[in-house]
Amino acid sequence: MTVKIKRCNREDLKIIQEISIETFAETFKDQNSYENMNAYLKRAFNNNKLETELSDTSSEFFCVYSNNEVAGYLKVNTNEAQSEEMGDESLEIERIYIKKKFQKHGFGKYLLNKAIEIATDRKKEKIWLGVWEKNENAIAFYKKLGFVLTGTHSFYMGDEKQLDFIMVKTIK
């Protein structure tokens, strides 16, 4: 298996949109109402929103490929693009989305390592992310890789307020 990571640009919008909708819906549809899921997907992953994100110089997207097939992507944020005020010494991992057929094959770890590499190159002191309190698999994955729970923030799925854990990893 050949694994490759490539920085994405605006030409990759459709790929990012497809992966976002597919993986988010697969992961969370059973725990949320159809109406709230649909409202969130339309708001979070529409063309205008993704084009704005892809154009933001404080955000970067990276696709991971397995044998030339896109397996998923990573989105990281610095500066004012971070979804919480965490300071200039922080890098946010906003999304690690892996297609279902590629899950449990190490692609999430490839992307997490890419985020750590970016943070290290930019002299960041910590990386952080928000993860839904009910996403036990993701929480366990991040804990195993050295992230610790440091707080919470609200996340809105349609009109339903949910709780995300904020997890942080210090970069040495």
N, C-alpha and C. Protein backbone atom coordinates (compact mmCIF):
# COMPACT_ATOMS: atom_id res chain seq x y z
N MET A 1 0.84 -1.18 0.00
CA MET A 1 0.00 0.00 0.00
C MET A 1 0.88 1.24 0.00
N THR A 2 0.64 2.13 -0.94
CA THR A 2 1.36 3.39 -1.02
C THR A 2 0.51 4.49 -0.39
N VAL A 3 1.06 5.18 0.61
CA VAL A 3 0.35 6.27 1.27
C VAL A 3 1.03 7.58 0.91
N LYS A 4 0.21 8.56 0.52
CA LYS A 4 0.73 9.87 0.13
C LYS A 4 -0.17 10.93 0.77
N ILE A 5 0.43 12.01 1.24
CA ILE A 5 -0.32 13.15 1.76
C ILE A 5 -0.03 14.35 0.87
N LYS A 6 -1.10 15.03 0.45
CA LYS A 6 -0.97 16.16 -0.46
C LYS A 6 -1.76 17.34 0.08
N ARG A 7 -1.14 18.52 0.03
CA ARG A 7 -1.86 19.73 0.43
C ARG A 7 -2.97 20.00 -0.57
N CYS A 8 -4.13 20.35 -0.07
CA CYS A 8 -5.30 20.61 -0.91
C CYS A 8 -5.42 22.09 -1.22
N ASN A 9 -6.13 22.38 -2.31
CA ASN A 9 -6.44 23.77 -2.67
C ASN A 9 -7.89 23.83 -3.13
N ARG A 10 -8.28 24.97 -3.69
CA ARG A 10 -9.68 25.16 -4.06
C ARG A 10 -10.16 24.18 -5.12
N GLU A 11 -9.25 23.63 -5.91
CA GLU A 11 -9.65 22.63 -6.91
C GLU A 11 -10.10 21.32 -6.25
N ASP A 12 -9.77 21.15 -4.98
CA ASP A 12 -10.13 19.93 -4.24
C ASP A 12 -11.44 20.08 -3.47
N LEU A 13 -12.15 21.16 -3.66
CA LEU A 13 -13.37 21.45 -2.90
C LEU A 13 -14.37 20.29 -2.97
N LYS A 14 -14.65 19.76 -4.13
CA LYS A 14 -15.65 18.69 -4.27
C LYS A 14 -15.23 17.43 -3.52
N ILE A 15 -13.95 17.10 -3.59
CA ILE A 15 -13.46 15.92 -2.85
C ILE A 15 -13.65 16.13 -1.35
N ILE A 16 -13.27 17.30 -0.87
CA ILE A 16 -13.41 17.61 0.56
C ILE A 16 -14.88 17.59 0.96
N GLN A 17 -15.72 18.16 0.13
CA GLN A 17 -17.16 18.19 0.43
C GLN A 17 -17.73 16.78 0.50
N GLU A 18 -17.39 15.94 -0.46
CA GLU A 18 -17.91 14.56 -0.49
C GLU A 18 -17.46 13.78 0.74
N ILE A 19 -16.17 13.87 1.07
CA ILE A 19 -15.65 13.16 2.24
C ILE A 19 -16.30 13.69 3.51
N SER A 20 -16.45 15.00 3.62
CA SER A 20 -17.04 15.61 4.81
C SER A 20 -18.45 15.10 5.05
N ILE A 21 -19.28 15.19 4.03
CA ILE A 21 -20.68 14.79 4.18
C ILE A 21 -20.78 13.29 4.46
N GLU A 22 -20.04 12.49 3.69
CA GLU A 22 -20.09 11.04 3.83
C GLU A 22 -19.65 10.60 5.23
N THR A 23 -18.48 11.07 5.66
CA THR A 23 -17.93 10.58 6.93
C THR A 23 -18.69 11.15 8.13
N PHE A 24 -19.08 12.41 8.06
CA PHE A 24 -19.81 13.00 9.19
C PHE A 24 -21.15 12.30 9.36
N ALA A 25 -21.87 12.09 8.25
CA ALA A 25 -23.17 11.43 8.33
C ALA A 25 -23.02 9.99 8.83
N GLU A 26 -22.06 9.24 8.30
CA GLU A 26 -21.85 7.86 8.74
C GLU A 26 -21.55 7.78 10.24
N THR A 27 -20.77 8.71 10.71
CA THR A 27 -20.33 8.68 12.10
C THR A 27 -21.42 9.10 13.07
N PHE A 28 -22.23 10.09 12.70
CA PHE A 28 -23.13 10.69 13.68
C PHE A 28 -24.63 10.58 13.39
N LYS A 29 -25.03 10.00 12.26
CA LYS A 29 -26.46 9.98 11.91
C LYS A 29 -27.31 9.19 12.89
N ASP A 30 -26.77 8.14 13.47
CA ASP A 30 -27.56 7.31 14.38
C ASP A 30 -27.81 7.97 15.74
N GLN A 31 -27.02 8.97 16.08
CA GLN A 31 -27.17 9.63 17.38
C GLN A 31 -27.87 10.99 17.28
N ASN A 32 -28.30 11.36 16.07
CA ASN A 32 -28.90 12.68 15.87
C ASN A 32 -30.13 12.57 14.97
N SER A 33 -31.03 13.54 15.12
CA SER A 33 -32.22 13.52 14.28
C SER A 33 -31.84 13.83 12.82
N TYR A 34 -32.65 13.34 11.91
CA TYR A 34 -32.45 13.60 10.49
C TYR A 34 -32.42 15.11 10.23
N GLU A 35 -33.34 15.84 10.85
CA GLU A 35 -33.45 17.29 10.63
C GLU A 35 -32.19 18.02 11.08
N ASN A 36 -31.71 17.68 12.27
CA ASN A 36 -30.50 18.34 12.77
C ASN A 36 -29.27 17.96 11.96
N MET A 37 -29.17 16.70 11.57
CA MET A 37 -28.04 16.25 10.76
C MET A 37 -28.05 16.98 9.42
N ASN A 38 -29.20 17.02 8.77
CA ASN A 38 -29.32 17.65 7.47
C ASN A 38 -29.00 19.15 7.55
N ALA A 39 -29.50 19.81 8.58
CA ALA A 39 -29.24 21.25 8.76
C ALA A 39 -27.74 21.49 8.94
N TYR A 40 -27.09 20.66 9.75
CA TYR A 40 -25.66 20.83 9.98
C TYR A 40 -24.86 20.61 8.71
N LEU A 41 -25.14 19.54 7.99
CA LEU A 41 -24.39 19.23 6.77
C LEU A 41 -24.52 20.35 5.74
N LYS A 42 -25.71 20.91 5.61
CA LYS A 42 -25.91 22.01 4.65
C LYS A 42 -25.16 23.26 5.07
N ARG A 43 -25.11 23.53 6.38
CA ARG A 43 -24.44 24.73 6.86
C ARG A 43 -22.92 24.58 6.85
N ALA A 44 -22.42 23.42 7.27
CA ALA A 44 -20.98 23.24 7.46
C ALA A 44 -20.22 22.93 6.18
N PHE A 45 -20.88 22.30 5.22
CA PHE A 45 -20.14 21.79 4.07
C PHE A 45 -20.68 22.27 2.72
N ASN A 46 -21.30 23.44 2.72
CA ASN A 46 -21.76 23.98 1.44
C ASN A 46 -20.58 24.58 0.67
N ASN A 47 -20.76 24.79 -0.60
CA ASN A 47 -19.67 25.28 -1.47
C ASN A 47 -19.07 26.58 -0.95
N ASN A 48 -19.91 27.56 -0.60
CA ASN A 48 -19.39 28.86 -0.15
C ASN A 48 -18.57 28.73 1.12
N LYS A 49 -19.04 27.94 2.08
CA LYS A 49 -18.32 27.78 3.35
C LYS A 49 -16.97 27.10 3.10
N LEU A 50 -16.97 26.03 2.33
CA LEU A 50 -15.71 25.33 2.07
C LEU A 50 -14.74 26.17 1.24
N GLU A 51 -15.27 26.93 0.29
CA GLU A 51 -14.39 27.80 -0.50
C GLU A 51 -13.74 28.85 0.39
N THR A 52 -14.50 29.40 1.32
CA THR A 52 -13.95 30.38 2.27
C THR A 52 -12.86 29.73 3.13
N GLU A 53 -13.12 28.52 3.62
CA GLU A 53 -12.13 27.82 4.44
C GLU A 53 -10.86 27.52 3.64
N LEU A 54 -11.03 27.07 2.41
CA LEU A 54 -9.87 26.75 1.56
C LEU A 54 -9.06 27.99 1.19
N SER A 55 -9.69 29.15 1.21
CA SER A 55 -9.01 30.40 0.86
C SER A 55 -8.35 31.06 2.06
N ASP A 56 -8.68 30.63 3.26
CA ASP A 56 -8.16 31.24 4.48
C ASP A 56 -6.69 30.84 4.66
N THR A 57 -5.81 31.82 4.71
CA THR A 57 -4.38 31.54 4.84
C THR A 57 -4.01 30.98 6.22
N SER A 58 -4.92 31.04 7.18
CA SER A 58 -4.67 30.47 8.50
C SER A 58 -5.23 29.06 8.65
N SER A 59 -5.77 28.51 7.56
CA SER A 59 -6.26 27.14 7.54
C SER A 59 -5.57 26.38 6.41
N GLU A 60 -5.34 25.10 6.65
CA GLU A 60 -4.74 24.24 5.62
C GLU A 60 -5.44 22.90 5.61
N PHE A 61 -5.60 22.35 4.42
CA PHE A 61 -6.20 21.04 4.21
C PHE A 61 -5.16 20.13 3.58
N PHE A 62 -5.17 18.85 4.01
CA PHE A 62 -4.28 17.85 3.44
C PHE A 62 -5.08 16.58 3.21
N CYS A 63 -5.04 16.07 1.98
CA CYS A 63 -5.69 14.80 1.66
C CYS A 63 -4.67 13.67 1.81
N VAL A 64 -5.15 12.54 2.31
CA VAL A 64 -4.31 11.35 2.38
C VAL A 64 -4.83 10.36 1.34
N TYR A 65 -3.89 9.77 0.62
CA TYR A 65 -4.21 8.85 -0.46
C TYR A 65 -3.66 7.47 -0.17
N SER A 66 -4.42 6.46 -0.55
CA SER A 66 -3.99 5.08 -0.51
C SER A 66 -4.01 4.56 -1.94
N ASN A 67 -2.83 4.26 -2.47
CA ASN A 67 -2.75 3.79 -3.85
C ASN A 67 -3.52 4.69 -4.81
N ASN A 68 -3.33 5.98 -4.70
CA ASN A 68 -3.94 7.01 -5.55
C ASN A 68 -5.44 7.21 -5.34
N GLU A 69 -6.03 6.59 -4.33
CA GLU A 69 -7.44 6.83 -3.99
C GLU A 69 -7.48 7.65 -2.71
N VAL A 70 -8.26 8.73 -2.72
CA VAL A 70 -8.33 9.57 -1.53
C VAL A 70 -9.03 8.81 -0.41
N ALA A 71 -8.37 8.76 0.75
CA ALA A 71 -8.88 8.03 1.90
C ALA A 71 -9.50 8.96 2.93
N GLY A 72 -9.09 10.23 2.92
CA GLY A 72 -9.60 11.18 3.90
C GLY A 72 -8.83 12.47 3.84
N TYR A 73 -9.09 13.33 4.84
CA TYR A 73 -8.37 14.60 4.88
C TYR A 73 -8.23 15.14 6.28
N LEU A 74 -7.32 16.08 6.40
CA LEU A 74 -7.01 16.80 7.64
C LEU A 74 -7.23 18.29 7.39
N LYS A 75 -7.83 18.97 8.37
CA LYS A 75 -7.90 20.44 8.34
C LYS A 75 -7.28 20.95 9.63
N VAL A 76 -6.28 21.86 9.51
CA VAL A 76 -5.66 22.50 10.67
C VAL A 76 -5.84 24.01 10.58
N ASN A 77 -5.89 24.63 11.75
CA ASN A 77 -6.08 26.08 11.85
C ASN A 77 -5.05 26.69 12.79
N THR A 78 -4.62 27.89 12.45
CA THR A 78 -3.79 28.69 13.34
C THR A 78 -4.42 30.09 13.44
N ASN A 79 -3.83 30.90 14.29
CA ASN A 79 -4.23 32.29 14.43
C ASN A 79 -5.73 32.42 14.64
N GLU A 80 -6.38 33.37 13.95
CA GLU A 80 -7.80 33.65 14.15
C GLU A 80 -8.71 32.59 13.54
N ALA A 81 -8.19 31.66 12.77
CA ALA A 81 -9.02 30.59 12.19
C ALA A 81 -9.37 29.52 13.22
N GLN A 82 -8.67 29.49 14.35
CA GLN A 82 -8.98 28.51 15.39
C GLN A 82 -10.41 28.75 15.89
N SER A 83 -11.11 27.67 16.17
CA SER A 83 -12.51 27.78 16.59
C SER A 83 -12.66 28.20 18.06
N GLU A 84 -11.58 28.20 18.78
CA GLU A 84 -11.52 28.74 20.15
C GLU A 84 -10.25 29.58 20.25
N GLU A 85 -10.27 30.56 21.13
CA GLU A 85 -9.07 31.37 21.34
C GLU A 85 -8.09 30.57 22.18
N MET A 86 -7.07 30.06 21.52
CA MET A 86 -6.08 29.24 22.22
C MET A 86 -4.68 29.86 22.15
N GLY A 87 -4.56 31.00 21.48
CA GLY A 87 -3.29 31.69 21.44
C GLY A 87 -2.44 31.34 20.23
N ASP A 88 -1.45 32.18 20.00
CA ASP A 88 -0.56 32.02 18.85
C ASP A 88 0.34 30.80 18.95
N GLU A 89 0.50 30.24 20.15
CA GLU A 89 1.38 29.09 20.32
C GLU A 89 0.66 27.77 20.02
N SER A 90 -0.61 27.86 19.57
CA SER A 90 -1.42 26.66 19.35
C SER A 90 -1.77 26.43 17.89
N LEU A 91 -1.96 25.16 17.55
CA LEU A 91 -2.47 24.75 16.26
C LEU A 91 -3.69 23.87 16.52
N GLU A 92 -4.79 24.16 15.87
CA GLU A 92 -6.01 23.38 16.02
C GLU A 92 -6.12 22.33 14.92
N ILE A 93 -6.44 21.12 15.32
CA ILE A 93 -6.87 20.10 14.36
C ILE A 93 -8.39 20.20 14.35
N GLU A 94 -8.93 20.80 13.30
CA GLU A 94 -10.38 20.94 13.24
C GLU A 94 -11.06 19.68 12.73
N ARG A 95 -10.42 19.00 11.77
CA ARG A 95 -11.03 17.79 11.21
C ARG A 95 -9.95 16.77 10.84
N ILE A 96 -10.21 15.54 11.21
CA ILE A 96 -9.55 14.38 10.63
C ILE A 96 -10.70 13.49 10.20
N TYR A 97 -10.97 13.45 8.92
CA TYR A 97 -12.08 12.66 8.37
C TYR A 97 -11.50 11.56 7.49
N ILE A 98 -11.82 10.34 7.82
CA ILE A 98 -11.35 9.17 7.06
C ILE A 98 -12.58 8.41 6.56
N LYS A 99 -12.60 8.09 5.26
CA LYS A 99 -13.69 7.29 4.71
C LYS A 99 -13.77 5.95 5.44
N LYS A 100 -14.99 5.46 5.59
CA LYS A 100 -15.22 4.24 6.37
C LYS A 100 -14.34 3.07 5.94
N LYS A 101 -14.22 2.84 4.63
CA LYS A 101 -13.45 1.67 4.17
C LYS A 101 -11.95 1.78 4.48
N PHE A 102 -11.48 2.98 4.83
CA PHE A 102 -10.08 3.18 5.16
C PHE A 102 -9.83 3.32 6.66
N GLN A 103 -10.90 3.29 7.46
CA GLN A 103 -10.74 3.42 8.90
C GLN A 103 -10.08 2.17 9.48
N LYS A 104 -9.36 2.38 10.57
CA LYS A 104 -8.64 1.31 11.28
C LYS A 104 -7.48 0.74 10.46
N HIS A 105 -6.94 1.58 9.56
CA HIS A 105 -5.76 1.18 8.77
C HIS A 105 -4.61 2.17 8.95
N GLY A 106 -4.69 3.05 9.95
CA GLY A 106 -3.59 3.95 10.25
C GLY A 106 -3.63 5.31 9.57
N PHE A 107 -4.67 5.58 8.78
CA PHE A 107 -4.70 6.86 8.06
C PHE A 107 -4.92 8.05 9.00
N GLY A 108 -5.72 7.85 10.05
CA GLY A 108 -5.89 8.92 11.03
C GLY A 108 -4.57 9.28 11.69
N LYS A 109 -3.77 8.27 11.98
CA LYS A 109 -2.46 8.51 12.59
C LYS A 109 -1.52 9.22 11.62
N TYR A 110 -1.57 8.85 10.33
CA TYR A 110 -0.77 9.57 9.33
C TYR A 110 -1.11 11.06 9.35
N LEU A 111 -2.41 11.36 9.38
CA LEU A 111 -2.83 12.77 9.36
C LEU A 111 -2.50 13.47 10.67
N LEU A 112 -2.65 12.79 11.78
CA LEU A 112 -2.28 13.38 13.06
C LEU A 112 -0.79 13.69 13.08
N ASN A 113 0.02 12.77 12.57
CA ASN A 113 1.46 13.03 12.51
C ASN A 113 1.77 14.21 11.60
N LYS A 114 1.00 14.39 10.54
CA LYS A 114 1.18 15.56 9.67
C LYS A 114 0.88 16.84 10.46
N ALA A 115 -0.16 16.83 11.27
CA ALA A 115 -0.49 17.99 12.09
C ALA A 115 0.63 18.30 13.08
N ILE A 116 1.19 17.26 13.68
CA ILE A 116 2.31 17.45 14.62
C ILE A 116 3.52 18.01 13.89
N GLU A 117 3.79 17.52 12.70
CA GLU A 117 4.90 18.03 11.88
C GLU A 117 4.71 19.52 11.58
N ILE A 118 3.50 19.90 11.20
CA ILE A 118 3.21 21.32 10.91
C ILE A 118 3.41 22.15 12.16
N ALA A 119 2.87 21.68 13.29
CA ALA A 119 3.00 22.42 14.55
C ALA A 119 4.46 22.58 14.94
N THR A 120 5.23 21.53 14.80
CA THR A 120 6.65 21.57 15.14
C THR A 120 7.40 22.55 14.23
N ASP A 121 7.14 22.46 12.92
CA ASP A 121 7.80 23.37 11.96
C ASP A 121 7.49 24.83 12.25
N ARG A 122 6.31 25.08 12.78
CA ARG A 122 5.89 26.47 13.06
C ARG A 122 6.14 26.88 14.50
N LYS A 123 6.87 26.05 15.20
CA LYS A 123 7.27 26.34 16.59
C LYS A 123 6.07 26.52 17.52
N LYS A 124 5.02 25.75 17.28
CA LYS A 124 3.85 25.78 18.17
C LYS A 124 4.15 24.95 19.41
N GLU A 125 3.56 25.33 20.52
CA GLU A 125 3.79 24.63 21.78
C GLU A 125 2.78 23.51 22.02
N LYS A 126 1.60 23.64 21.38
CA LYS A 126 0.58 22.61 21.59
C LYS A 126 -0.33 22.51 20.39
N ILE A 127 -0.93 21.32 20.25
CA ILE A 127 -1.98 21.12 19.27
C ILE A 127 -3.23 20.73 20.06
N TRP A 128 -4.38 21.09 19.53
CA TRP A 128 -5.61 20.82 20.25
C TRP A 128 -6.73 20.50 19.27
N LEU A 129 -7.80 19.94 19.81
CA LEU A 129 -8.97 19.61 19.00
C LEU A 129 -10.19 19.52 19.90
N GLY A 130 -11.34 19.58 19.26
CA GLY A 130 -12.60 19.34 19.94
C GLY A 130 -13.17 18.03 19.44
N VAL A 131 -13.69 17.21 20.36
CA VAL A 131 -14.27 15.92 19.98
C VAL A 131 -15.56 15.72 20.79
N TRP A 132 -16.61 15.28 20.10
CA TRP A 132 -17.90 15.10 20.75
C TRP A 132 -17.78 14.15 21.93
N GLU A 133 -18.38 14.52 23.04
CA GLU A 133 -18.27 13.73 24.26
C GLU A 133 -18.75 12.28 24.09
N LYS A 134 -19.59 12.02 23.10
CA LYS A 134 -20.11 10.66 22.87
C LYS A 134 -19.32 9.88 21.82
N ASN A 135 -18.28 10.49 21.25
CA ASN A 135 -17.48 9.81 20.24
C ASN A 135 -16.33 9.08 20.93
N GLU A 136 -16.68 7.97 21.55
CA GLU A 136 -15.75 7.23 22.41
C GLU A 136 -14.54 6.70 21.65
N ASN A 137 -14.73 6.26 20.40
CA ASN A 137 -13.60 5.75 19.61
C ASN A 137 -12.57 6.84 19.37
N ALA A 138 -13.03 8.03 19.00
CA ALA A 138 -12.10 9.13 18.74
C ALA A 138 -11.40 9.57 20.03
N ILE A 139 -12.14 9.65 21.12
CA ILE A 139 -11.54 10.05 22.40
C ILE A 139 -10.44 9.06 22.79
N ALA A 140 -10.72 7.78 22.65
CA ALA A 140 -9.71 6.77 22.98
C ALA A 140 -8.49 6.89 22.07
N PHE A 141 -8.72 7.12 20.78
CA PHE A 141 -7.63 7.29 19.81
C PHE A 141 -6.74 8.46 20.22
N TYR A 142 -7.34 9.60 20.53
CA TYR A 142 -6.55 10.78 20.89
C TYR A 142 -5.82 10.60 22.22
N LYS A 143 -6.47 9.98 23.19
CA LYS A 143 -5.80 9.72 24.47
C LYS A 143 -4.58 8.82 24.27
N LYS A 144 -4.74 7.80 23.45
CA LYS A 144 -3.64 6.87 23.18
C LYS A 144 -2.44 7.60 22.57
N LEU A 145 -2.71 8.69 21.85
CA LEU A 145 -1.65 9.44 21.19
C LEU A 145 -1.18 10.65 22.00
N GLY A 146 -1.57 10.70 23.27
CA GLY A 146 -1.02 11.71 24.17
C GLY A 146 -1.84 12.97 24.38
N PHE A 147 -3.07 13.00 23.90
CA PHE A 147 -3.93 14.16 24.15
C PHE A 147 -4.58 14.01 25.52
N VAL A 148 -4.76 15.14 26.21
CA VAL A 148 -5.43 15.13 27.50
C VAL A 148 -6.63 16.08 27.46
N LEU A 149 -7.65 15.72 28.20
CA LEU A 149 -8.86 16.53 28.30
C LEU A 149 -8.57 17.76 29.14
N THR A 150 -8.85 18.96 28.57
CA THR A 150 -8.56 20.19 29.30
C THR A 150 -9.79 21.08 29.48
N GLY A 151 -10.89 20.76 28.82
CA GLY A 151 -12.07 21.59 28.93
C GLY A 151 -13.16 21.13 27.98
N THR A 152 -14.16 21.99 27.82
CA THR A 152 -15.28 21.68 26.93
C THR A 152 -15.69 22.94 26.18
N HIS A 153 -16.41 22.75 25.08
CA HIS A 153 -17.09 23.87 24.42
C HIS A 153 -18.36 23.35 23.77
N SER A 154 -19.26 24.27 23.47
CA SER A 154 -20.54 23.90 22.87
C SER A 154 -20.39 23.71 21.37
N PHE A 155 -21.16 22.77 20.86
CA PHE A 155 -21.21 22.47 19.44
C PHE A 155 -22.69 22.35 19.10
N TYR A 156 -23.10 22.96 18.00
CA TYR A 156 -24.51 22.91 17.63
C TYR A 156 -24.72 22.01 16.42
N MET A 157 -25.54 20.98 16.65
CA MET A 157 -25.98 20.08 15.59
C MET A 157 -27.40 20.51 15.25
N GLY A 158 -27.52 21.32 14.18
CA GLY A 158 -28.82 21.91 13.89
C GLY A 158 -29.18 22.82 15.04
N ASP A 159 -30.33 22.55 15.68
CA ASP A 159 -30.74 23.39 16.80
C ASP A 159 -30.44 22.75 18.16
N GLU A 160 -29.72 21.63 18.16
CA GLU A 160 -29.40 20.95 19.40
C GLU A 160 -27.99 21.29 19.88
N LYS A 161 -27.92 21.76 21.11
CA LYS A 161 -26.63 22.07 21.72
C LYS A 161 -26.00 20.78 22.25
N GLN A 162 -24.76 20.51 21.82
CA GLN A 162 -24.03 19.34 22.28
C GLN A 162 -22.72 19.79 22.91
N LEU A 163 -22.03 18.86 23.53
CA LEU A 163 -20.79 19.18 24.24
C LEU A 163 -19.61 18.49 23.57
N ASP A 164 -18.60 19.27 23.26
CA ASP A 164 -17.33 18.74 22.76
C ASP A 164 -16.29 18.84 23.87
N PHE A 165 -15.48 17.79 24.00
CA PHE A 165 -14.32 17.85 24.87
C PHE A 165 -13.20 18.54 24.12
N ILE A 166 -12.47 19.41 24.78
CA ILE A 166 -11.27 20.00 24.23
C ILE A 166 -10.10 19.17 24.74
N MET A 167 -9.31 18.66 23.80
CA MET A 167 -8.17 17.81 24.14
C MET A 167 -6.91 18.46 23.59
N VAL A 168 -5.85 18.44 24.37
CA VAL A 168 -4.61 19.14 24.03
C VAL A 168 -3.43 18.18 24.15
N LYS A 169 -2.49 18.37 23.24
CA LYS A 169 -1.21 17.64 23.28
C LYS A 169 -0.09 18.67 23.25
N THR A 170 0.82 18.59 24.19
CA THR A 170 1.97 19.48 24.23
C THR A 170 3.01 18.96 23.25
N ILE A 171 3.58 19.88 22.47
CA ILE A 171 4.63 19.53 21.51
C ILE A 171 5.97 19.79 22.17
N LYS A 172 6.82 18.80 22.14
CA LYS A 172 8.14 18.94 22.79
C LYS A 172 9.13 19.57 21.86
